[in-house]
Amino acid sequence: MMDNRLGKLAEEFTDLVYPPGYNPEGKSGKRKQGEGGGQAEKKAKVEINMSEDELRASVKNGTLGKLTVPVLKELCRGYGLKGGKKQELVDALVGYFKTH
C-alpha cells in the first residue's frame, strides 16, 4: 500500500541514501577482523635492559615512576613481587630493595 502512494519517491530516496548495490532488506555480512571486533590485541613482550645496579640507583634516586607499567610489572615478576597499579608496583620494588 505504501509503495502505491509513494511510488517513485521511495525508490529515489533509497538510491540517494544507500550506496549502489546495497540491499537494505538483506542480511548484513560478516565484519572484517580489523574493524573493532571486540577482542583486545595481544600485548607485546617487554624487554628490560636494566641491570640490578641501575634498578637500585633508580630506587635510590626516586626515578622508578618514569618507567612504564609493563616494565615495572616485568621487573616485579623478576623479583617475585606482586602489584597491580603503577604506584603499587613502585612501592613493591622500593620495599624490596630497602630490605635486600
N, C-alpha and C. Protein backbone atom coordinates (compact mmCIF):
# COMPACT_ATOMS: atom_id res chain seq x y z
N MET A 1 0.82 -1.18 0.00
CA MET A 1 0.00 0.00 0.00
C MET A 1 0.87 1.26 0.00
N MET A 2 1.91 1.23 0.81
CA MET A 2 2.76 2.40 0.89
C MET A 2 3.52 2.61 -0.42
N ASP A 3 3.93 1.51 -1.06
CA ASP A 3 4.62 1.63 -2.34
C ASP A 3 3.72 2.28 -3.39
N ASN A 4 2.42 2.01 -3.31
CA ASN A 4 1.49 2.60 -4.27
C ASN A 4 1.40 4.11 -4.08
N ARG A 5 1.42 4.57 -2.83
CA ARG A 5 1.30 6.00 -2.56
C ARG A 5 2.58 6.75 -2.91
N LEU A 6 3.70 6.21 -2.43
CA LEU A 6 4.97 6.90 -2.63
C LEU A 6 5.54 6.64 -4.02
N GLY A 7 5.45 5.40 -4.40
CA GLY A 7 5.92 5.01 -5.72
C GLY A 7 7.37 5.38 -5.97
N LYS A 8 7.57 6.25 -6.93
CA LYS A 8 8.90 6.59 -7.39
C LYS A 8 9.71 7.37 -6.35
N LEU A 9 9.05 8.11 -5.45
CA LEU A 9 9.75 8.88 -4.42
C LEU A 9 10.55 7.98 -3.48
N ALA A 10 9.97 6.85 -3.10
CA ALA A 10 10.67 5.91 -2.21
C ALA A 10 11.89 5.32 -2.90
N GLU A 11 11.78 5.01 -4.15
CA GLU A 11 12.92 4.47 -4.90
C GLU A 11 14.03 5.50 -5.02
N GLU A 12 13.66 6.75 -5.30
CA GLU A 12 14.67 7.81 -5.40
C GLU A 12 15.37 8.02 -4.06
N PHE A 13 14.59 7.96 -2.99
CA PHE A 13 15.17 8.13 -1.66
C PHE A 13 16.20 7.03 -1.36
N THR A 14 15.85 5.77 -1.61
CA THR A 14 16.79 4.68 -1.34
C THR A 14 18.02 4.79 -2.23
N ASP A 15 17.85 5.27 -3.46
CA ASP A 15 19.00 5.45 -4.35
C ASP A 15 19.94 6.53 -3.82
N LEU A 16 19.37 7.57 -3.20
CA LEU A 16 20.19 8.66 -2.67
C LEU A 16 20.86 8.28 -1.35
N VAL A 17 20.16 7.55 -0.52
CA VAL A 17 20.65 7.25 0.82
C VAL A 17 21.64 6.08 0.83
N TYR A 18 21.32 5.00 0.14
CA TYR A 18 22.15 3.80 0.18
C TYR A 18 23.13 3.77 -0.98
N PRO A 19 24.31 3.17 -0.79
CA PRO A 19 25.28 3.05 -1.89
C PRO A 19 24.78 2.08 -2.95
N PRO A 20 25.31 2.19 -4.17
CA PRO A 20 24.86 1.29 -5.25
C PRO A 20 25.10 -0.18 -4.90
N GLY A 21 24.13 -1.01 -5.17
CA GLY A 21 24.26 -2.45 -4.92
C GLY A 21 23.90 -2.86 -3.51
N TYR A 22 23.52 -1.92 -2.65
CA TYR A 22 23.18 -2.23 -1.26
C TYR A 22 21.71 -2.60 -1.16
N ASN A 23 21.42 -3.69 -0.45
CA ASN A 23 20.05 -4.11 -0.24
C ASN A 23 19.72 -3.87 1.22
N PRO A 24 18.91 -2.84 1.55
CA PRO A 24 18.62 -2.54 2.95
C PRO A 24 17.81 -3.63 3.65
N GLU A 25 17.18 -4.49 2.90
CA GLU A 25 16.38 -5.55 3.50
C GLU A 25 17.15 -6.85 3.62
N GLY A 26 18.36 -6.91 3.06
CA GLY A 26 19.16 -8.12 3.11
C GLY A 26 19.91 -8.26 4.42
N LYS A 27 20.49 -9.44 4.63
CA LYS A 27 21.27 -9.68 5.84
C LYS A 27 22.60 -8.95 5.74
N SER A 28 23.10 -8.54 6.90
CA SER A 28 24.41 -7.88 6.91
C SER A 28 25.50 -8.94 6.83
N GLY A 29 26.61 -8.59 6.19
CA GLY A 29 27.72 -9.52 6.04
C GLY A 29 28.58 -9.54 7.30
N LYS A 30 29.52 -10.45 7.32
CA LYS A 30 30.43 -10.53 8.46
C LYS A 30 31.35 -9.32 8.47
N ARG A 31 31.70 -8.91 9.66
CA ARG A 31 32.63 -7.80 9.79
C ARG A 31 34.04 -8.29 9.51
N LYS A 32 34.83 -7.38 9.01
CA LYS A 32 36.24 -7.71 8.82
C LYS A 32 36.91 -7.71 10.18
N GLN A 33 37.98 -8.44 10.32
CA GLN A 33 38.62 -8.61 11.61
C GLN A 33 39.20 -7.32 12.17
N GLY A 34 39.63 -6.40 11.33
CA GLY A 34 40.26 -5.18 11.80
C GLY A 34 39.30 -4.11 12.28
N GLU A 35 38.01 -4.31 12.13
CA GLU A 35 37.04 -3.28 12.47
C GLU A 35 36.48 -3.48 13.86
N GLY A 36 37.22 -3.16 14.90
CA GLY A 36 36.71 -3.19 16.26
C GLY A 36 35.93 -4.43 16.61
N GLY A 37 36.49 -5.58 16.42
CA GLY A 37 35.80 -6.83 16.64
C GLY A 37 35.50 -7.13 18.09
N GLY A 38 35.97 -6.32 19.02
CA GLY A 38 35.68 -6.54 20.42
C GLY A 38 36.76 -7.31 21.15
N GLN A 39 37.67 -7.93 20.44
CA GLN A 39 38.74 -8.65 21.11
C GLN A 39 39.94 -7.73 21.25
N ALA A 40 40.54 -7.77 22.41
CA ALA A 40 41.72 -6.96 22.65
C ALA A 40 42.92 -7.57 21.94
N GLU A 41 43.80 -6.74 21.48
CA GLU A 41 45.00 -7.23 20.82
C GLU A 41 45.98 -7.75 21.86
N LYS A 42 46.79 -8.72 21.48
CA LYS A 42 47.79 -9.24 22.40
C LYS A 42 48.87 -8.20 22.60
N LYS A 43 49.33 -8.12 23.83
CA LYS A 43 50.36 -7.15 24.15
C LYS A 43 51.73 -7.73 23.83
N ALA A 44 52.60 -6.90 23.34
CA ALA A 44 53.95 -7.33 23.00
C ALA A 44 54.75 -7.54 24.28
N LYS A 45 55.69 -8.46 24.22
CA LYS A 45 56.57 -8.70 25.34
C LYS A 45 57.46 -7.49 25.55
N VAL A 46 57.72 -7.17 26.81
CA VAL A 46 58.55 -6.03 27.15
C VAL A 46 59.95 -6.54 27.47
N GLU A 47 60.93 -5.97 26.80
CA GLU A 47 62.31 -6.34 27.10
C GLU A 47 62.90 -5.31 28.05
N ILE A 48 63.58 -5.80 29.07
CA ILE A 48 64.14 -4.91 30.07
C ILE A 48 65.66 -4.96 29.95
N ASN A 49 66.22 -3.81 29.70
CA ASN A 49 67.68 -3.70 29.59
C ASN A 49 68.23 -2.95 30.79
N MET A 50 67.81 -3.36 31.98
CA MET A 50 68.20 -2.65 33.19
C MET A 50 68.87 -3.64 34.14
N SER A 51 70.09 -3.33 34.53
CA SER A 51 70.79 -4.20 35.47
C SER A 51 70.27 -3.94 36.87
N GLU A 52 70.63 -4.82 37.79
CA GLU A 52 70.18 -4.65 39.17
C GLU A 52 70.77 -3.39 39.78
N ASP A 53 72.01 -3.07 39.40
CA ASP A 53 72.63 -1.84 39.92
C ASP A 53 71.89 -0.59 39.43
N GLU A 54 71.49 -0.61 38.17
CA GLU A 54 70.74 0.53 37.63
C GLU A 54 69.38 0.64 38.32
N LEU A 55 68.77 -0.50 38.60
CA LEU A 55 67.49 -0.50 39.28
C LEU A 55 67.63 0.03 40.70
N ARG A 56 68.71 -0.38 41.38
CA ARG A 56 68.97 0.15 42.73
C ARG A 56 69.17 1.66 42.69
N ALA A 57 69.87 2.14 41.69
CA ALA A 57 70.09 3.58 41.55
C ALA A 57 68.76 4.31 41.30
N SER A 58 67.89 3.72 40.51
CA SER A 58 66.58 4.32 40.26
C SER A 58 65.74 4.37 41.53
N VAL A 59 65.83 3.31 42.34
CA VAL A 59 65.11 3.29 43.61
C VAL A 59 65.66 4.37 44.52
N LYS A 60 66.98 4.48 44.58
CA LYS A 60 67.63 5.47 45.45
C LYS A 60 67.30 6.90 45.02
N ASN A 61 67.29 7.14 43.71
CA ASN A 61 67.02 8.49 43.19
C ASN A 61 65.53 8.81 43.13
N GLY A 62 64.70 7.80 43.29
CA GLY A 62 63.26 8.02 43.23
C GLY A 62 62.75 8.21 41.80
N THR A 63 63.41 7.60 40.83
CA THR A 63 63.02 7.77 39.44
C THR A 63 62.30 6.55 38.85
N LEU A 64 61.83 5.65 39.72
CA LEU A 64 61.09 4.49 39.22
C LEU A 64 59.78 4.89 38.55
N GLY A 65 59.22 6.01 38.95
CA GLY A 65 57.96 6.48 38.39
C GLY A 65 58.05 6.82 36.92
N LYS A 66 59.26 7.00 36.40
CA LYS A 66 59.44 7.31 34.98
C LYS A 66 59.28 6.07 34.11
N LEU A 67 59.36 4.88 34.72
CA LEU A 67 59.21 3.64 33.96
C LEU A 67 57.73 3.38 33.69
N THR A 68 57.47 2.67 32.61
CA THR A 68 56.08 2.34 32.27
C THR A 68 55.59 1.16 33.10
N VAL A 69 54.28 1.00 33.16
CA VAL A 69 53.68 -0.08 33.93
C VAL A 69 54.12 -1.46 33.44
N PRO A 70 54.14 -1.72 32.12
CA PRO A 70 54.60 -3.04 31.69
C PRO A 70 56.04 -3.34 32.12
N VAL A 71 56.91 -2.33 32.10
CA VAL A 71 58.30 -2.54 32.53
C VAL A 71 58.34 -2.82 34.03
N LEU A 72 57.58 -2.04 34.80
CA LEU A 72 57.54 -2.26 36.25
C LEU A 72 56.98 -3.63 36.59
N LYS A 73 55.96 -4.07 35.86
CA LYS A 73 55.39 -5.40 36.11
C LYS A 73 56.41 -6.48 35.84
N GLU A 74 57.15 -6.33 34.76
CA GLU A 74 58.16 -7.33 34.42
C GLU A 74 59.28 -7.35 35.46
N LEU A 75 59.68 -6.18 35.93
CA LEU A 75 60.69 -6.13 36.99
C LEU A 75 60.18 -6.80 38.26
N CYS A 76 58.94 -6.52 38.62
CA CYS A 76 58.36 -7.14 39.82
C CYS A 76 58.29 -8.66 39.68
N ARG A 77 57.92 -9.14 38.50
CA ARG A 77 57.88 -10.59 38.28
C ARG A 77 59.27 -11.20 38.47
N GLY A 78 60.28 -10.48 38.05
CA GLY A 78 61.65 -10.98 38.18
C GLY A 78 62.08 -11.16 39.63
N TYR A 79 61.49 -10.36 40.52
CA TYR A 79 61.84 -10.44 41.94
C TYR A 79 60.75 -11.11 42.76
N GLY A 80 59.76 -11.67 42.10
CA GLY A 80 58.69 -12.39 42.80
C GLY A 80 57.75 -11.47 43.55
N LEU A 81 57.59 -10.25 43.09
CA LEU A 81 56.72 -9.28 43.75
C LEU A 81 55.41 -9.17 42.97
N LYS A 82 54.37 -8.72 43.67
CA LYS A 82 53.07 -8.57 43.03
C LYS A 82 52.56 -7.15 43.24
N GLY A 83 51.75 -6.71 42.31
CA GLY A 83 51.13 -5.39 42.39
C GLY A 83 50.30 -5.19 41.15
N GLY A 84 49.39 -4.25 41.20
CA GLY A 84 48.51 -4.02 40.06
C GLY A 84 48.70 -2.65 39.45
N LYS A 85 48.50 -1.64 40.26
CA LYS A 85 48.60 -0.27 39.76
C LYS A 85 50.06 0.19 39.82
N LYS A 86 50.34 1.25 39.11
CA LYS A 86 51.72 1.72 38.97
C LYS A 86 52.34 2.01 40.33
N GLN A 87 51.62 2.73 41.18
CA GLN A 87 52.19 3.08 42.48
C GLN A 87 52.44 1.85 43.34
N GLU A 88 51.57 0.85 43.24
CA GLU A 88 51.78 -0.40 43.99
C GLU A 88 53.04 -1.11 43.51
N LEU A 89 53.27 -1.09 42.20
CA LEU A 89 54.47 -1.72 41.65
C LEU A 89 55.72 -0.99 42.12
N VAL A 90 55.69 0.34 42.08
CA VAL A 90 56.83 1.14 42.53
C VAL A 90 57.09 0.88 44.00
N ASP A 91 56.03 0.90 44.82
CA ASP A 91 56.18 0.66 46.26
C ASP A 91 56.74 -0.73 46.55
N ALA A 92 56.31 -1.73 45.77
CA ALA A 92 56.81 -3.09 45.97
C ALA A 92 58.31 -3.16 45.68
N LEU A 93 58.74 -2.53 44.60
CA LEU A 93 60.18 -2.54 44.27
C LEU A 93 60.99 -1.76 45.29
N VAL A 94 60.49 -0.61 45.73
CA VAL A 94 61.20 0.19 46.73
C VAL A 94 61.32 -0.61 48.03
N GLY A 95 60.24 -1.23 48.45
CA GLY A 95 60.26 -2.04 49.66
C GLY A 95 61.23 -3.21 49.56
N TYR A 96 61.26 -3.83 48.39
CA TYR A 96 62.16 -4.96 48.19
C TYR A 96 63.61 -4.52 48.32
N PHE A 97 63.97 -3.42 47.68
CA PHE A 97 65.37 -3.00 47.70
C PHE A 97 65.78 -2.35 49.01
N LYS A 98 64.83 -1.92 49.83
CA LYS A 98 65.18 -1.42 51.16
C LYS A 98 65.55 -2.57 52.08
N THR A 99 64.94 -3.74 51.84
CA THR A 99 65.21 -4.88 52.73
C THR A 99 66.31 -5.79 52.19
N HIS A 100 66.68 -5.66 50.92
CA HIS A 100 67.70 -6.54 50.34
C HIS A 100 68.92 -5.75 49.95
